[in-house]
């Protein structure tokens, strides 16, 4: 994702102390990264970091909806 070589330790702590979602693709040629992941992370953690992110448009729509809801709450309480 960064476009240059990085140490494995960097790839293990990308978001919320979880690995980058590409860790399996980037490191499989160097060592058994799948076994490493299985040994060091729970099934829930693995699911969290391997789940692809939402498309940017979906995230933007959710953000707009939350902002509208917050504004409506503010209007109603004020």
N, C-alpha and C. Protein backbone atom coordinates (compact mmCIF):
# COMPACT_ATOMS: atom_id res chain seq x y z
N UNK A 1 0.81 -1.20 0.00
CA UNK A 1 0.00 0.00 0.00
C UNK A 1 0.86 1.26 0.00
N UNK A 2 2.02 1.20 0.59
CA UNK A 2 2.86 2.39 0.66
C UNK A 2 3.73 2.55 -0.58
N UNK A 3 3.94 1.50 -1.33
CA UNK A 3 4.71 1.59 -2.55
C UNK A 3 6.21 1.41 -2.38
N UNK A 4 6.66 1.06 -1.19
CA UNK A 4 8.08 0.79 -0.97
C UNK A 4 8.21 -0.24 0.15
N UNK A 5 9.42 -0.75 0.32
CA UNK A 5 9.66 -1.79 1.32
C UNK A 5 9.51 -1.22 2.73
N UNK A 6 8.85 -1.98 3.57
CA UNK A 6 8.68 -1.61 4.98
C UNK A 6 8.95 -2.85 5.82
N UNK A 7 9.36 -2.68 7.07
CA UNK A 7 9.60 -3.84 7.93
C UNK A 7 8.29 -4.52 8.32
N UNK A 8 8.37 -5.80 8.60
CA UNK A 8 7.19 -6.57 8.98
C UNK A 8 6.51 -5.98 10.20
N UNK A 9 7.27 -5.47 11.16
CA UNK A 9 6.67 -4.90 12.37
C UNK A 9 5.74 -3.74 12.03
N UNK A 10 6.06 -2.98 10.98
CA UNK A 10 5.18 -1.89 10.56
C UNK A 10 3.85 -2.45 10.08
N UNK A 11 3.88 -3.51 9.30
CA UNK A 11 2.67 -4.11 8.74
C UNK A 11 1.77 -4.71 9.81
N UNK A 12 2.33 -5.02 10.95
CA UNK A 12 1.56 -5.63 12.04
C UNK A 12 0.80 -4.62 12.87
N UNK A 13 1.04 -3.35 12.73
CA UNK A 13 0.42 -2.34 13.60
C UNK A 13 -0.12 -1.16 12.79
N UNK A 14 -0.94 -1.43 11.82
CA UNK A 14 -1.43 -0.37 10.94
C UNK A 14 -2.63 0.36 11.53
N UNK A 15 -3.66 -0.35 11.93
CA UNK A 15 -4.88 0.26 12.44
C UNK A 15 -5.32 -0.44 13.72
N UNK A 16 -5.49 0.31 14.78
CA UNK A 16 -5.93 -0.24 16.07
C UNK A 16 -5.07 -1.42 16.51
N UNK A 17 -3.78 -1.33 16.28
CA UNK A 17 -2.83 -2.41 16.61
C UNK A 17 -3.14 -3.71 15.89
N UNK A 18 -3.78 -3.62 14.74
CA UNK A 18 -4.04 -4.79 13.91
C UNK A 18 -3.25 -4.65 12.62
N UNK A 19 -2.96 -5.77 11.98
CA UNK A 19 -2.18 -5.72 10.74
C UNK A 19 -2.93 -5.07 9.58
N UNK A 20 -2.15 -4.73 8.60
CA UNK A 20 -2.67 -4.25 7.33
C UNK A 20 -3.47 -5.38 6.68
N UNK A 21 -4.53 -5.05 5.98
CA UNK A 21 -5.35 -6.09 5.36
C UNK A 21 -4.61 -6.82 4.24
N UNK A 22 -3.49 -6.28 3.78
CA UNK A 22 -2.71 -6.91 2.71
C UNK A 22 -1.54 -7.74 3.24
N UNK A 23 -1.47 -7.95 4.54
CA UNK A 23 -0.30 -8.62 5.12
C UNK A 23 -0.06 -10.02 4.52
N UNK A 24 -1.14 -10.74 4.26
CA UNK A 24 -0.98 -12.09 3.71
C UNK A 24 -0.44 -12.04 2.29
N UNK A 25 -0.89 -11.09 1.51
CA UNK A 25 -0.43 -10.96 0.12
C UNK A 25 1.00 -10.47 0.03
N UNK A 26 1.39 -9.58 0.90
CA UNK A 26 2.72 -8.98 0.83
C UNK A 26 3.83 -9.88 1.36
N UNK A 27 3.53 -10.74 2.32
CA UNK A 27 4.60 -11.46 3.02
C UNK A 27 4.64 -12.96 2.74
N UNK A 28 3.69 -13.51 1.99
CA UNK A 28 3.62 -14.96 1.83
C UNK A 28 4.86 -15.56 1.17
N UNK A 29 5.56 -14.79 0.35
CA UNK A 29 6.75 -15.32 -0.32
C UNK A 29 7.98 -15.39 0.59
N UNK A 30 7.95 -14.66 1.68
CA UNK A 30 9.11 -14.62 2.58
C UNK A 30 9.05 -15.64 3.70
N UNK A 31 7.84 -15.89 4.22
CA UNK A 31 7.66 -16.89 5.28
C UNK A 31 6.19 -17.24 5.39
N UNK A 32 5.86 -18.19 6.23
CA UNK A 32 4.48 -18.64 6.38
C UNK A 32 3.70 -17.62 7.22
N UNK A 33 3.33 -16.53 6.59
CA UNK A 33 2.66 -15.43 7.28
C UNK A 33 1.27 -15.85 7.74
N UNK A 34 0.61 -16.74 7.02
CA UNK A 34 -0.72 -17.21 7.43
C UNK A 34 -0.63 -17.93 8.78
N UNK A 35 0.38 -18.76 8.97
CA UNK A 35 0.56 -19.44 10.25
C UNK A 35 0.86 -18.42 11.36
N UNK A 36 1.67 -17.44 11.05
CA UNK A 36 1.99 -16.40 12.02
C UNK A 36 0.71 -15.68 12.47
N UNK A 37 -0.12 -15.31 11.51
CA UNK A 37 -1.36 -14.61 11.81
C UNK A 37 -2.26 -15.49 12.69
N UNK A 38 -2.39 -16.75 12.34
CA UNK A 38 -3.22 -17.67 13.12
C UNK A 38 -2.73 -17.80 14.56
N UNK A 39 -1.42 -17.77 14.75
CA UNK A 39 -0.84 -17.94 16.08
C UNK A 39 -0.93 -16.68 16.94
N UNK A 40 -0.95 -15.50 16.32
CA UNK A 40 -0.84 -14.26 17.07
C UNK A 40 -2.11 -13.42 17.16
N UNK A 41 -3.15 -13.82 16.44
CA UNK A 41 -4.38 -13.03 16.45
C UNK A 41 -5.59 -13.95 16.62
N UNK A 42 -6.62 -13.41 17.26
CA UNK A 42 -7.85 -14.19 17.43
C UNK A 42 -8.62 -14.21 16.12
N UNK A 43 -9.59 -15.09 16.04
CA UNK A 43 -10.42 -15.18 14.83
C UNK A 43 -11.14 -13.85 14.59
N UNK A 44 -11.60 -13.21 15.64
CA UNK A 44 -12.29 -11.92 15.51
C UNK A 44 -11.34 -10.84 14.99
N UNK A 45 -10.12 -10.80 15.51
CA UNK A 45 -9.15 -9.82 15.03
C UNK A 45 -8.83 -10.05 13.55
N UNK A 46 -8.66 -11.30 13.18
CA UNK A 46 -8.37 -11.63 11.78
C UNK A 46 -9.52 -11.19 10.90
N UNK A 47 -10.74 -11.47 11.32
CA UNK A 47 -11.91 -11.04 10.55
C UNK A 47 -11.92 -9.53 10.38
N UNK A 48 -11.61 -8.81 11.47
CA UNK A 48 -11.63 -7.35 11.43
C UNK A 48 -10.62 -6.78 10.45
N UNK A 49 -9.40 -7.30 10.46
CA UNK A 49 -8.41 -6.68 9.57
C UNK A 49 -8.45 -7.21 8.15
N UNK A 50 -9.06 -8.36 7.93
CA UNK A 50 -9.17 -8.86 6.56
C UNK A 50 -10.44 -8.40 5.84
N UNK A 51 -11.39 -7.85 6.58
CA UNK A 51 -12.61 -7.34 5.96
C UNK A 51 -12.27 -6.10 5.15
N UNK A 52 -12.60 -6.10 3.88
CA UNK A 52 -12.28 -4.92 3.05
C UNK A 52 -13.03 -3.69 3.56
N UNK A 53 -12.43 -2.53 3.41
CA UNK A 53 -13.11 -1.31 3.85
C UNK A 53 -14.33 -1.03 2.96
N UNK A 54 -15.24 -0.25 3.51
CA UNK A 54 -16.40 0.16 2.73
C UNK A 54 -15.93 1.04 1.57
N UNK A 55 -16.66 1.00 0.47
CA UNK A 55 -16.32 1.93 -0.62
C UNK A 55 -16.41 3.37 -0.11
N UNK A 56 -15.59 4.24 -0.65
CA UNK A 56 -15.55 5.62 -0.18
C UNK A 56 -16.90 6.31 -0.31
N UNK A 57 -17.63 6.01 -1.35
CA UNK A 57 -18.93 6.65 -1.53
C UNK A 57 -19.88 6.23 -0.41
N UNK A 58 -19.87 4.96 -0.03
CA UNK A 58 -20.73 4.50 1.06
C UNK A 58 -20.35 5.17 2.36
N UNK A 59 -19.06 5.31 2.62
CA UNK A 59 -18.61 5.99 3.84
C UNK A 59 -19.03 7.44 3.84
N UNK A 60 -18.94 8.09 2.69
CA UNK A 60 -19.35 9.48 2.58
C UNK A 60 -20.84 9.65 2.83
N UNK A 61 -21.65 8.77 2.27
CA UNK A 61 -23.09 8.83 2.48
C UNK A 61 -23.42 8.63 3.96
N UNK A 62 -22.76 7.68 4.62
CA UNK A 62 -22.98 7.46 6.05
C UNK A 62 -22.61 8.70 6.87
N UNK A 63 -21.50 9.32 6.52
CA UNK A 63 -21.06 10.52 7.21
C UNK A 63 -22.10 11.63 7.06
N UNK A 64 -22.61 11.82 5.85
CA UNK A 64 -23.62 12.85 5.60
C UNK A 64 -24.89 12.56 6.40
N UNK A 65 -25.31 11.31 6.43
CA UNK A 65 -26.52 10.95 7.19
C UNK A 65 -26.33 11.20 8.68
N UNK A 66 -25.16 10.89 9.22
CA UNK A 66 -24.90 11.15 10.64
C UNK A 66 -24.91 12.65 10.92
N UNK A 67 -24.33 13.44 10.02
CA UNK A 67 -24.31 14.89 10.19
C UNK A 67 -25.73 15.45 10.16
N UNK A 68 -26.56 14.95 9.24
CA UNK A 68 -27.95 15.41 9.16
C UNK A 68 -28.70 15.06 10.45
N UNK A 69 -28.50 13.85 10.94
CA UNK A 69 -29.18 13.42 12.17
C UNK A 69 -28.74 14.28 13.35
N UNK A 70 -27.46 14.57 13.44
CA UNK A 70 -26.94 15.42 14.53
C UNK A 70 -27.53 16.82 14.43
N UNK A 71 -27.61 17.34 13.23
CA UNK A 71 -28.18 18.67 13.04
C UNK A 71 -29.66 18.69 13.42
N UNK A 72 -30.40 17.66 13.04
CA UNK A 72 -31.82 17.58 13.39
C UNK A 72 -32.00 17.50 14.90
N UNK A 73 -31.15 16.74 15.57
CA UNK A 73 -31.23 16.64 17.04
C UNK A 73 -30.95 18.00 17.66
N UNK A 74 -29.96 18.68 17.12
CA UNK A 74 -29.59 20.01 17.63
C UNK A 74 -30.73 21.00 17.43
N UNK A 75 -31.36 20.95 16.28
CA UNK A 75 -32.49 21.84 15.97
C UNK A 75 -33.67 21.57 16.90
N UNK A 76 -33.91 20.32 17.21
CA UNK A 76 -35.05 19.93 18.05
C UNK A 76 -34.82 20.29 19.52
N UNK A 77 -33.58 20.22 19.96
CA UNK A 77 -33.29 20.49 21.37
C UNK A 77 -33.09 21.99 21.64
N UNK A 78 -32.89 22.77 20.60
CA UNK A 78 -32.59 24.19 20.79
C UNK A 78 -33.71 25.05 20.54
